[in-house]
Protein backbone atom coordinates (compact mmCIF):
# COMPACT_ATOMS: atom_id res chain seq x y z
CA MET A 1 -19.09 -97.70 26.21
CA GLU A 2 -20.60 -97.73 29.69
CA LYS A 3 -21.40 -94.47 31.44
CA VAL A 4 -19.72 -94.06 34.82
CA LEU A 5 -21.78 -92.53 37.62
CA LYS A 6 -19.85 -89.76 39.30
CA SER A 7 -20.46 -88.96 42.94
CA ILE A 8 -19.84 -85.34 43.91
CA VAL A 9 -19.95 -83.95 47.45
CA LEU A 10 -20.03 -80.20 47.98
CA VAL A 11 -19.34 -78.92 51.50
CA ILE A 12 -20.87 -75.61 52.50
CA ASN A 13 -19.60 -74.10 55.72
CA ASP A 14 -20.43 -70.40 55.27
CA SER A 15 -23.67 -68.71 56.26
CA PRO A 16 -26.12 -68.18 53.41
CA TYR A 17 -25.93 -64.39 53.23
CA GLY A 18 -22.90 -62.15 53.45
CA CYS A 19 -20.66 -64.00 50.99
CA GLU A 20 -21.22 -65.70 47.67
CA ARG A 21 -19.58 -69.06 48.42
CA PRO A 22 -22.84 -70.84 49.42
CA TYR A 23 -24.64 -69.41 46.41
CA ASN A 24 -21.87 -70.49 44.05
CA ALA A 25 -21.80 -74.02 45.53
CA LEU A 26 -25.56 -74.37 45.25
CA ARG A 27 -25.59 -72.98 41.71
CA LEU A 28 -22.91 -75.50 40.71
CA ALA A 29 -24.86 -78.31 42.36
CA LEU A 30 -28.08 -77.34 40.59
CA GLY A 31 -26.22 -77.49 37.28
CA LEU A 32 -24.69 -80.87 38.07
CA VAL A 33 -27.89 -82.62 39.12
CA LYS A 34 -29.28 -82.07 35.66
CA ARG A 35 -26.73 -84.51 34.31
CA PRO A 36 -27.84 -88.14 34.58
CA GLU A 37 -24.30 -89.40 35.17
CA GLU A 38 -23.81 -87.17 38.22
CA HIS A 39 -24.88 -87.97 41.81
CA VAL A 40 -24.71 -84.79 43.91
CA ARG A 41 -24.65 -84.47 47.69
CA ILE A 42 -24.55 -81.28 49.66
CA PHE A 43 -23.07 -81.36 53.17
CA LEU A 44 -23.91 -78.38 55.38
CA ILE A 45 -21.57 -77.83 58.33
CA GLY A 46 -20.77 -74.97 60.69
CA ASP A 47 -22.46 -71.77 59.60
CA GLY A 48 -23.58 -73.56 56.44
CA VAL A 49 -26.42 -75.26 58.36
CA ASN A 50 -28.12 -71.84 58.37
CA CYS A 51 -28.78 -72.43 54.64
CA ALA A 52 -31.35 -75.04 55.66
CA ILE A 53 -33.43 -72.79 57.90
CA CYS A 54 -36.93 -72.33 56.51
CA ASN A 55 -38.69 -69.00 56.05
CA GLN A 56 -35.62 -66.82 56.28
CA LYS A 57 -36.02 -63.26 55.15
CA THR A 58 -33.91 -62.90 52.03
CA PRO A 59 -31.97 -59.64 52.12
CA GLU A 60 -32.67 -57.28 49.24
CA GLY A 61 -30.43 -58.04 46.26
CA TYR A 62 -29.65 -61.58 47.39
CA TYR A 63 -30.71 -64.98 46.05
CA ASN A 64 -33.13 -67.22 47.96
CA VAL A 65 -31.02 -70.00 49.41
CA GLU A 66 -34.04 -71.86 50.79
CA ARG A 67 -35.48 -72.21 47.28
CA MET A 68 -32.14 -73.51 45.97
CA ILE A 69 -31.80 -76.07 48.80
CA ARG A 70 -35.34 -77.32 48.20
CA ALA A 71 -34.66 -77.79 44.49
CA LEU A 72 -31.53 -79.76 45.34
CA ALA A 73 -33.26 -81.87 47.95
CA GLN A 74 -35.77 -82.97 45.29
CA ARG A 75 -32.98 -84.11 42.91
CA GLY A 76 -29.92 -84.73 45.06
CA GLU A 77 -29.09 -85.20 48.71
CA VAL A 78 -28.67 -82.55 51.41
CA PHE A 79 -27.11 -83.42 54.74
CA THR A 80 -26.82 -81.28 57.84
C-alpha cells in the first residue's frame, strides 16, 4: 500500500503572548512535522506575524515562540 503525503496548513492570527492559541498551533505543527507522511505549513497573518519577530523578550512563565518557529522553519514551511 502506498503512503499518501498529507499537506496541512495551520493559520496563526493571534499575537504570540497573551493567549495560548499560537503556542498550541506551533506545538501541534512540531508534532506533525516528525511524521514523514505529513507536510506542514504555517501561515502567519494579522497579529500572528509577531510570532516571527526575532529577539523578543519572552515574558516570565511563557514559552519561546521564536525557538518554536525556527524549529518549524528547519523542517516545514513558515509564511508571513
